[in-house]
C-alpha atoms as a PDB file:
ATOM      1  CA  UNK A   1     -17.297  11.483 -28.796  1.00  0.00           C
ATOM      2  CA  UNK A   2     -16.384  13.545 -26.144  1.00  0.00           C
ATOM      3  CA  UNK A   3     -14.425  11.949 -23.515  1.00  0.00           C
ATOM      4  CA  UNK A   4     -15.417  12.475 -19.803  1.00  0.00           C
ATOM      5  CA  UNK A   5     -12.908  14.422 -17.507  1.00  0.00           C
ATOM      6  CA  UNK A   6     -12.908  11.730 -15.151  1.00  0.00           C
ATOM      7  CA  UNK A   7     -12.303   9.195 -17.745  1.00  0.00           C
ATOM      8  CA  UNK A   8      -9.031  11.205 -18.868  1.00  0.00           C
ATOM      9  CA  UNK A   9      -7.909  11.337 -15.630  1.00  0.00           C
ATOM     10  CA  UNK A  10      -8.366   7.541 -15.205  1.00  0.00           C
ATOM     11  CA  UNK A  11      -6.007   7.026 -18.588  1.00  0.00           C
ATOM     12  CA  UNK A  12      -3.807   9.788 -17.831  1.00  0.00           C
ATOM     13  CA  UNK A  13      -2.833   8.094 -14.482  1.00  0.00           C
ATOM     14  CA  UNK A  14      -2.776   4.778 -15.744  1.00  0.00           C
ATOM     15  CA  UNK A  15      -0.276   6.156 -18.458  1.00  0.00           C
ATOM     16  CA  UNK A  16       1.557   7.937 -15.297  1.00  0.00           C
ATOM     17  CA  UNK A  17       1.905   4.538 -13.321  1.00  0.00           C
ATOM     18  CA  UNK A  18       3.237   3.154 -16.436  1.00  0.00           C
ATOM     19  CA  UNK A  19       6.062   5.347 -17.458  1.00  0.00           C
ATOM     20  CA  UNK A  20       7.070   5.525 -14.040  1.00  0.00           C
ATOM     21  CA  UNK A  21       7.531   1.666 -13.763  1.00  0.00           C
ATOM     22  CA  UNK A  22       9.403   1.266 -16.768  1.00  0.00           C
ATOM     23  CA  UNK A  23      11.533   4.591 -15.900  1.00  0.00           C
ATOM     24  CA  UNK A  24      12.027   2.545 -12.383  1.00  0.00           C
ATOM     25  CA  UNK A  25      12.744  -0.828 -14.353  1.00  0.00           C
ATOM     26  CA  UNK A  26      15.531   0.999 -16.832  1.00  0.00           C
ATOM     27  CA  UNK A  27      17.179   2.570 -13.794  1.00  0.00           C
ATOM     28  CA  UNK A  28      16.366   6.346 -14.897  1.00  0.00           C
ATOM     29  CA  UNK A  29      14.788   6.862 -11.628  1.00  0.00           C
ATOM     30  CA  UNK A  30      16.163   5.911  -8.109  1.00  0.00           C
ATOM     31  CA  UNK A  31      13.771   3.884  -6.118  1.00  0.00           C
ATOM     32  CA  UNK A  32      11.290   5.636  -3.551  1.00  0.00           C
ATOM     33  CA  UNK A  33      12.791   5.623  -0.354  1.00  0.00           C
ATOM     34  CA  UNK A  34       9.457   5.932   0.985  1.00  0.00           C
ATOM     35  CA  UNK A  35       7.076   3.319   0.609  1.00  0.00           C
ATOM     36  CA  UNK A  36       4.075   5.799   0.727  1.00  0.00           C
ATOM     37  CA  UNK A  37       5.360   7.107  -2.575  1.00  0.00           C
ATOM     38  CA  UNK A  38       4.811   3.764  -4.032  1.00  0.00           C
ATOM     39  CA  UNK A  39       1.411   3.011  -3.241  1.00  0.00           C
ATOM     40  CA  UNK A  40       0.469   6.551  -2.899  1.00  0.00           C
ATOM     41  CA  UNK A  41      -2.591   6.800  -5.830  1.00  0.00           C
ATOM     42  CA  UNK A  42      -3.312   3.149  -6.335  1.00  0.00           C
ATOM     43  CA  UNK A  43      -6.621   3.320  -5.584  1.00  0.00           C
ATOM     44  CA  UNK A  44      -7.272   6.752  -7.111  1.00  0.00           C
ATOM     45  CA  UNK A  45      -9.351   4.787  -9.782  1.00  0.00           C
ATOM     46  CA  UNK A  46     -11.980   3.236  -7.311  1.00  0.00           C
ATOM     47  CA  UNK A  47     -15.303   5.211  -6.920  1.00  0.00           C
ATOM     48  CA  UNK A  48     -15.580   6.314  -3.362  1.00  0.00           C
ATOM     49  CA  UNK A  49     -18.848   4.593  -2.589  1.00  0.00           C
ATOM     50  CA  UNK A  50     -16.682   1.507  -3.379  1.00  0.00           C
ATOM     51  CA  UNK A  51     -14.054   2.151  -1.298  1.00  0.00           C
ATOM     52  CA  UNK A  52     -16.017   3.066   1.442  1.00  0.00           C
ATOM     53  CA  UNK A  53     -18.033  -0.431   1.178  1.00  0.00           C
ATOM     54  CA  UNK A  54     -14.686  -1.958   0.951  1.00  0.00           C
ATOM     55  CA  UNK A  55     -13.675  -0.349   4.261  1.00  0.00           C
ATOM     56  CA  UNK A  56     -16.687  -1.574   5.909  1.00  0.00           C
ATOM     57  CA  UNK A  57     -16.295  -5.336   4.831  1.00  0.00           C
ATOM     58  CA  UNK A  58     -12.751  -4.860   6.045  1.00  0.00           C
ATOM     59  CA  UNK A  59     -14.055  -3.474   9.591  1.00  0.00           C
ATOM     60  CA  UNK A  60     -16.906  -6.293   9.705  1.00  0.00           C
ATOM     61  CA  UNK A  61     -14.218  -9.355   9.104  1.00  0.00           C
ATOM     62  CA  UNK A  62     -11.807  -7.462  11.523  1.00  0.00           C
ATOM     63  CA  UNK A  63     -14.690  -7.407  14.237  1.00  0.00           C
ATOM     64  CA  UNK A  64     -15.892 -11.115  13.725  1.00  0.00           C
ATOM     65  CA  UNK A  65     -12.354 -11.915  13.673  1.00  0.00           C
ATOM     66  CA  UNK A  66     -11.339 -10.526  17.190  1.00  0.00           C
ATOM     67  CA  UNK A  67     -14.480 -11.804  18.615  1.00  0.00           C
ATOM     68  CA  UNK A  68     -13.734 -15.258  17.526  1.00  0.00           C
ATOM     69  CA  UNK A  69     -10.398 -14.667  19.139  1.00  0.00           C
ATOM     70  CA  UNK A  70     -11.881 -13.824  22.244  1.00  0.00           C
ATOM     71  CA  UNK A  71     -14.211 -16.714  22.553  1.00  0.00           C
ATOM     72  CA  UNK A  72     -11.291 -19.270  22.330  1.00  0.00           C
ATOM     73  CA  UNK A  73      -9.769 -17.593  25.135  1.00  0.00           C
ATOM     74  CA  UNK A  74     -12.442 -18.066  27.451  1.00  0.00           C
ATOM     75  CA  UNK A  75     -12.579 -21.745  29.347  1.00  0.00           C
END
């Protein structure tokens, strides 16, 4: 039963995140002063192609929303 490196990295990342959260809840680690540290790596387990597709959908929604806003401001 060989586990791929990618799967090991995912599992280790999950364990590290859980451990950090437990340490934070127990007061063993001071809270991060930088919000970027808190969210960094939170999407690391999402494949790049899916992430790019997600970004494209976000852009599409943003552009449609902007287009709707410009239509409403015209008489």
